[in-house]
N, C-alpha and C. Protein backbone atom coordinates (compact mmCIF):
# COMPACT_ATOMS: atom_id res chain seq x y z
N MET A 1 -5.71 15.05 2.58
CA MET A 1 -5.05 14.21 3.57
C MET A 1 -5.81 12.90 3.68
N THR A 2 -5.11 11.82 3.87
CA THR A 2 -5.71 10.50 3.95
C THR A 2 -6.25 10.26 5.35
N GLU A 3 -7.40 9.59 5.43
CA GLU A 3 -7.95 9.23 6.73
C GLU A 3 -7.10 8.13 7.36
N ASP A 4 -7.26 7.93 8.67
CA ASP A 4 -6.53 6.86 9.35
C ASP A 4 -7.20 5.54 9.00
N ILE A 5 -6.60 4.78 8.11
CA ILE A 5 -7.23 3.57 7.62
C ILE A 5 -7.24 2.45 8.65
N SER A 6 -6.47 2.57 9.72
CA SER A 6 -6.45 1.51 10.72
C SER A 6 -7.71 1.51 11.58
N ASP A 7 -8.49 2.59 11.56
CA ASP A 7 -9.71 2.66 12.36
C ASP A 7 -10.93 2.12 11.64
N ALA A 8 -10.81 1.75 10.38
CA ALA A 8 -11.95 1.27 9.62
C ALA A 8 -12.39 -0.09 10.15
N PRO A 9 -13.71 -0.36 10.13
CA PRO A 9 -14.19 -1.65 10.64
C PRO A 9 -13.85 -2.80 9.70
N ALA A 10 -13.84 -4.00 10.26
CA ALA A 10 -13.60 -5.20 9.46
C ALA A 10 -14.82 -5.49 8.61
N SER A 11 -14.62 -6.08 7.44
CA SER A 11 -15.73 -6.53 6.62
C SER A 11 -16.27 -7.81 7.25
N GLU A 12 -17.39 -8.29 6.73
CA GLU A 12 -18.00 -9.49 7.30
C GLU A 12 -17.11 -10.72 7.20
N ASN A 13 -16.13 -10.73 6.29
CA ASN A 13 -15.23 -11.88 6.17
C ASN A 13 -13.90 -11.65 6.89
N GLY A 14 -13.82 -10.61 7.71
CA GLY A 14 -12.65 -10.39 8.54
C GLY A 14 -11.53 -9.59 7.89
N ILE A 15 -11.71 -9.13 6.68
CA ILE A 15 -10.67 -8.34 6.03
C ILE A 15 -10.71 -6.93 6.60
N THR A 16 -9.56 -6.47 7.06
CA THR A 16 -9.45 -5.13 7.61
C THR A 16 -8.37 -4.36 6.85
N PRO A 17 -8.40 -3.04 6.94
CA PRO A 17 -7.30 -2.26 6.35
C PRO A 17 -5.94 -2.65 6.91
N ASP A 18 -5.89 -2.96 8.21
CA ASP A 18 -4.61 -3.37 8.81
C ASP A 18 -4.12 -4.68 8.21
N LEU A 19 -5.04 -5.61 7.96
CA LEU A 19 -4.67 -6.88 7.34
C LEU A 19 -4.16 -6.66 5.91
N VAL A 20 -4.81 -5.75 5.19
CA VAL A 20 -4.37 -5.40 3.84
C VAL A 20 -2.97 -4.80 3.89
N LYS A 21 -2.76 -3.87 4.82
CA LYS A 21 -1.44 -3.24 4.95
C LYS A 21 -0.38 -4.25 5.34
N LEU A 22 -0.74 -5.21 6.18
CA LEU A 22 0.21 -6.25 6.57
C LEU A 22 0.66 -7.05 5.35
N ALA A 23 -0.28 -7.39 4.48
CA ALA A 23 0.07 -8.11 3.24
C ALA A 23 0.95 -7.24 2.36
N LEU A 24 0.63 -5.96 2.27
CA LEU A 24 1.40 -5.05 1.40
C LEU A 24 2.80 -4.77 1.95
N ARG A 25 3.02 -5.02 3.24
CA ARG A 25 4.36 -4.85 3.80
C ARG A 25 5.34 -5.87 3.22
N ARG A 26 4.83 -6.92 2.61
CA ARG A 26 5.70 -7.93 1.98
C ARG A 26 6.17 -7.49 0.59
N VAL A 27 5.66 -6.35 0.12
CA VAL A 27 6.04 -5.83 -1.20
C VAL A 27 7.12 -4.78 -1.01
N LYS A 28 8.25 -5.01 -1.65
CA LYS A 28 9.36 -4.06 -1.51
C LYS A 28 9.60 -3.30 -2.80
N ASP A 29 10.00 -2.06 -2.65
CA ASP A 29 10.51 -1.28 -3.77
C ASP A 29 11.93 -1.78 -3.97
N PRO A 30 12.20 -2.47 -5.09
CA PRO A 30 13.51 -3.09 -5.26
C PRO A 30 14.67 -2.10 -5.35
N GLU A 31 14.37 -0.85 -5.67
CA GLU A 31 15.45 0.14 -5.77
C GLU A 31 15.99 0.55 -4.41
N VAL A 32 15.12 0.56 -3.39
CA VAL A 32 15.56 1.00 -2.06
C VAL A 32 15.43 -0.10 -1.01
N ASN A 33 14.87 -1.25 -1.40
CA ASN A 33 14.71 -2.41 -0.53
C ASN A 33 13.91 -2.11 0.73
N LEU A 34 12.88 -1.26 0.60
CA LEU A 34 11.97 -0.98 1.69
C LEU A 34 10.57 -1.35 1.25
N ASN A 35 9.71 -1.75 2.20
CA ASN A 35 8.35 -2.12 1.82
C ASN A 35 7.54 -0.87 1.48
N ILE A 36 6.52 -1.07 0.65
CA ILE A 36 5.76 0.05 0.12
C ILE A 36 4.88 0.74 1.16
N VAL A 37 4.57 0.05 2.26
CA VAL A 37 3.79 0.70 3.33
C VAL A 37 4.69 1.68 4.07
N ASP A 38 5.86 1.23 4.51
CA ASP A 38 6.79 2.12 5.21
C ASP A 38 7.28 3.25 4.32
N MET A 39 7.34 3.00 3.03
CA MET A 39 7.75 4.05 2.08
C MET A 39 6.68 5.13 1.93
N GLY A 40 5.47 4.86 2.41
CA GLY A 40 4.40 5.85 2.28
C GLY A 40 3.73 5.83 0.92
N LEU A 41 3.86 4.71 0.20
CA LEU A 41 3.27 4.62 -1.13
C LEU A 41 1.81 4.20 -1.10
N ILE A 42 1.32 3.75 0.05
CA ILE A 42 -0.09 3.37 0.17
C ILE A 42 -0.85 4.59 0.71
N TYR A 43 -1.76 5.11 -0.09
CA TYR A 43 -2.50 6.32 0.27
C TYR A 43 -3.83 6.02 0.94
N ASP A 44 -4.52 4.96 0.51
CA ASP A 44 -5.84 4.67 1.07
C ASP A 44 -6.17 3.20 0.80
N VAL A 45 -6.93 2.61 1.72
CA VAL A 45 -7.43 1.24 1.57
C VAL A 45 -8.93 1.29 1.83
N ARG A 46 -9.71 0.74 0.90
CA ARG A 46 -11.15 0.66 1.07
C ARG A 46 -11.58 -0.80 0.90
N ILE A 47 -12.50 -1.21 1.76
CA ILE A 47 -13.01 -2.58 1.70
C ILE A 47 -14.52 -2.51 1.55
N ASP A 48 -15.03 -3.24 0.57
CA ASP A 48 -16.47 -3.33 0.33
C ASP A 48 -16.82 -4.81 0.24
N GLY A 49 -17.30 -5.36 1.34
CA GLY A 49 -17.55 -6.80 1.39
C GLY A 49 -16.24 -7.53 1.34
N SER A 50 -16.03 -8.30 0.27
CA SER A 50 -14.77 -9.02 0.11
C SER A 50 -13.83 -8.32 -0.88
N ASP A 51 -14.30 -7.22 -1.47
CA ASP A 51 -13.50 -6.50 -2.46
C ASP A 51 -12.58 -5.49 -1.79
N VAL A 52 -11.36 -5.39 -2.28
CA VAL A 52 -10.35 -4.50 -1.72
C VAL A 52 -9.90 -3.52 -2.80
N SER A 53 -9.90 -2.25 -2.44
CA SER A 53 -9.43 -1.20 -3.34
C SER A 53 -8.32 -0.43 -2.63
N VAL A 54 -7.20 -0.26 -3.31
CA VAL A 54 -6.05 0.42 -2.73
C VAL A 54 -5.63 1.55 -3.65
N ASP A 55 -5.50 2.75 -3.08
CA ASP A 55 -4.89 3.87 -3.79
C ASP A 55 -3.43 3.88 -3.40
N MET A 56 -2.58 3.85 -4.40
CA MET A 56 -1.15 3.85 -4.12
C MET A 56 -0.42 4.69 -5.14
N SER A 57 0.81 5.01 -4.84
CA SER A 57 1.64 5.79 -5.74
C SER A 57 2.98 5.09 -5.90
N LEU A 58 3.83 5.69 -6.67
CA LEU A 58 5.22 5.26 -6.83
C LEU A 58 6.09 6.46 -6.51
N THR A 59 7.37 6.24 -6.34
CA THR A 59 8.24 7.36 -5.99
C THR A 59 8.30 8.41 -7.10
N THR A 60 8.18 7.97 -8.35
CA THR A 60 8.12 8.89 -9.49
C THR A 60 7.26 8.25 -10.58
N PRO A 61 6.65 9.07 -11.44
CA PRO A 61 5.89 8.48 -12.55
C PRO A 61 6.75 7.63 -13.48
N ALA A 62 8.05 7.89 -13.51
CA ALA A 62 8.95 7.13 -14.39
C ALA A 62 9.63 5.98 -13.66
N CYS A 63 9.11 5.58 -12.51
CA CYS A 63 9.72 4.51 -11.72
C CYS A 63 9.83 3.24 -12.56
N PRO A 64 11.06 2.77 -12.81
CA PRO A 64 11.23 1.59 -13.64
C PRO A 64 10.70 0.31 -12.99
N SER A 65 10.52 0.33 -11.68
CA SER A 65 10.02 -0.85 -10.97
C SER A 65 8.50 -0.84 -10.80
N GLY A 66 7.84 0.17 -11.33
CA GLY A 66 6.40 0.31 -11.16
C GLY A 66 5.59 -0.93 -11.49
N PRO A 67 5.75 -1.50 -12.69
CA PRO A 67 4.97 -2.70 -13.02
C PRO A 67 5.24 -3.87 -12.07
N GLU A 68 6.48 -4.05 -11.66
CA GLU A 68 6.84 -5.12 -10.73
C GLU A 68 6.19 -4.90 -9.36
N ILE A 69 6.22 -3.66 -8.87
CA ILE A 69 5.63 -3.34 -7.58
C ILE A 69 4.12 -3.56 -7.62
N MET A 70 3.47 -3.12 -8.68
CA MET A 70 2.02 -3.28 -8.80
C MET A 70 1.64 -4.76 -8.85
N LYS A 71 2.38 -5.57 -9.60
CA LYS A 71 2.09 -7.00 -9.68
C LYS A 71 2.32 -7.68 -8.34
N ASP A 72 3.42 -7.32 -7.66
CA ASP A 72 3.69 -7.90 -6.35
C ASP A 72 2.59 -7.54 -5.35
N ALA A 73 2.10 -6.30 -5.41
CA ALA A 73 1.03 -5.87 -4.51
C ALA A 73 -0.23 -6.69 -4.76
N GLU A 74 -0.59 -6.86 -6.01
CA GLU A 74 -1.78 -7.66 -6.33
C GLU A 74 -1.59 -9.11 -5.88
N ASP A 75 -0.42 -9.67 -6.13
CA ASP A 75 -0.14 -11.06 -5.74
C ASP A 75 -0.25 -11.23 -4.22
N GLN A 76 0.25 -10.28 -3.46
CA GLN A 76 0.19 -10.38 -2.00
C GLN A 76 -1.24 -10.24 -1.50
N LEU A 77 -2.03 -9.38 -2.12
CA LEU A 77 -3.43 -9.23 -1.70
C LEU A 77 -4.23 -10.49 -2.01
N LYS A 78 -3.86 -11.19 -3.07
CA LYS A 78 -4.54 -12.44 -3.42
C LYS A 78 -4.31 -13.52 -2.38
N THR A 79 -3.27 -13.39 -1.56
CA THR A 79 -2.99 -14.41 -0.53
C THR A 79 -3.93 -14.28 0.67
N LEU A 80 -4.64 -13.17 0.79
CA LEU A 80 -5.54 -12.98 1.93
C LEU A 80 -6.80 -13.82 1.75
N ALA A 81 -7.13 -14.60 2.76
CA ALA A 81 -8.32 -15.45 2.72
C ALA A 81 -9.57 -14.59 2.59
N GLY A 82 -10.42 -14.96 1.65
CA GLY A 82 -11.70 -14.28 1.49
C GLY A 82 -11.70 -13.06 0.61
N VAL A 83 -10.55 -12.68 0.06
CA VAL A 83 -10.50 -11.50 -0.79
C VAL A 83 -11.16 -11.80 -2.12
N GLY A 84 -12.01 -10.88 -2.56
CA GLY A 84 -12.67 -11.00 -3.85
C GLY A 84 -11.91 -10.19 -4.89
N LYS A 85 -12.59 -9.21 -5.45
CA LYS A 85 -11.98 -8.36 -6.48
C LYS A 85 -10.95 -7.43 -5.84
N ILE A 86 -9.82 -7.28 -6.53
CA ILE A 86 -8.75 -6.39 -6.08
C ILE A 86 -8.61 -5.28 -7.10
N GLU A 87 -8.63 -4.05 -6.60
CA GLU A 87 -8.46 -2.89 -7.48
C GLU A 87 -7.30 -2.06 -6.94
N LEU A 88 -6.26 -1.92 -7.76
CA LEU A 88 -5.12 -1.08 -7.41
C LEU A 88 -5.19 0.17 -8.27
N ASN A 89 -5.34 1.31 -7.62
CA ASN A 89 -5.42 2.59 -8.31
C ASN A 89 -4.11 3.33 -8.15
N LEU A 90 -3.44 3.58 -9.25
CA LEU A 90 -2.19 4.33 -9.22
C LEU A 90 -2.54 5.82 -9.26
N VAL A 91 -2.20 6.53 -8.19
CA VAL A 91 -2.54 7.95 -8.08
C VAL A 91 -1.26 8.78 -7.98
N TRP A 92 -1.36 10.00 -8.43
CA TRP A 92 -0.19 10.90 -8.42
C TRP A 92 -0.44 12.16 -7.60
N SER A 93 -1.59 12.25 -6.97
CA SER A 93 -1.92 13.43 -6.19
C SER A 93 -2.40 13.00 -4.81
N PRO A 94 -1.75 13.44 -3.77
CA PRO A 94 -0.58 14.30 -3.79
C PRO A 94 0.65 13.52 -4.23
N PRO A 95 1.61 14.21 -4.80
CA PRO A 95 2.82 13.51 -5.24
C PRO A 95 3.57 12.93 -4.03
N TRP A 96 4.20 11.77 -4.26
CA TRP A 96 4.97 11.15 -3.21
C TRP A 96 6.22 11.98 -2.94
N GLY A 97 6.64 12.03 -1.69
CA GLY A 97 7.87 12.68 -1.30
C GLY A 97 8.41 12.00 -0.05
N PRO A 98 9.67 12.21 0.27
CA PRO A 98 10.29 11.55 1.43
C PRO A 98 9.54 11.79 2.75
N GLN A 99 8.79 12.87 2.84
CA GLN A 99 8.02 13.15 4.06
C GLN A 99 6.94 12.11 4.30
N ARG A 100 6.58 11.31 3.29
CA ARG A 100 5.56 10.26 3.44
C ARG A 100 6.14 8.97 4.02
N ILE A 101 7.46 8.87 4.09
CA ILE A 101 8.09 7.67 4.64
C ILE A 101 7.77 7.59 6.14
N GLU A 102 7.50 6.38 6.62
CA GLU A 102 7.24 6.13 8.03
C GLU A 102 8.33 6.82 8.86
N PRO A 103 7.96 7.61 9.89
CA PRO A 103 8.96 8.39 10.64
C PRO A 103 10.14 7.58 11.16
N ARG A 104 9.92 6.37 11.69
CA ARG A 104 11.04 5.59 12.23
C ARG A 104 11.99 5.17 11.11
N VAL A 105 11.45 4.90 9.93
CA VAL A 105 12.28 4.52 8.78
C VAL A 105 13.00 5.75 8.25
N ARG A 106 12.30 6.88 8.24
CA ARG A 106 12.92 8.13 7.78
C ARG A 106 14.11 8.46 8.68
N ALA A 107 13.96 8.27 9.98
CA ALA A 107 15.06 8.54 10.92
C ALA A 107 16.23 7.60 10.66
N TYR A 108 15.91 6.32 10.42
CA TYR A 108 16.95 5.33 10.13
C TYR A 108 17.72 5.71 8.86
N LEU A 109 16.99 6.23 7.86
CA LEU A 109 17.63 6.61 6.61
C LEU A 109 18.35 7.95 6.70
N GLY A 110 18.15 8.68 7.80
CA GLY A 110 18.83 9.95 7.97
C GLY A 110 18.10 11.13 7.35
N PHE A 111 16.81 10.99 7.09
CA PHE A 111 16.04 12.13 6.54
C PHE A 111 15.57 13.03 7.65
């Protein structure tokens, strides 16, 4: 289970997990037109100084939009002031499922 990343302290340059998630909310899965944070595709955010590391998944390993989503995520993280190295780790465990979708969005979608 993933820890609550919103409780992590800010780095010395002000980068927080919440700020990272805010930037990642601008990245949409083009197949469903929902952002990757609400979709539950962001598993963990780690900050070390100015470096940001994100564990994320896709809806399926064969997701045709995977490369586009990964590039958009990196591009959005680069817009954050003070960000150094960006590391996006594509993980498959635990596998993504609709239960990872933000509850309010899941209700809107009828899940």
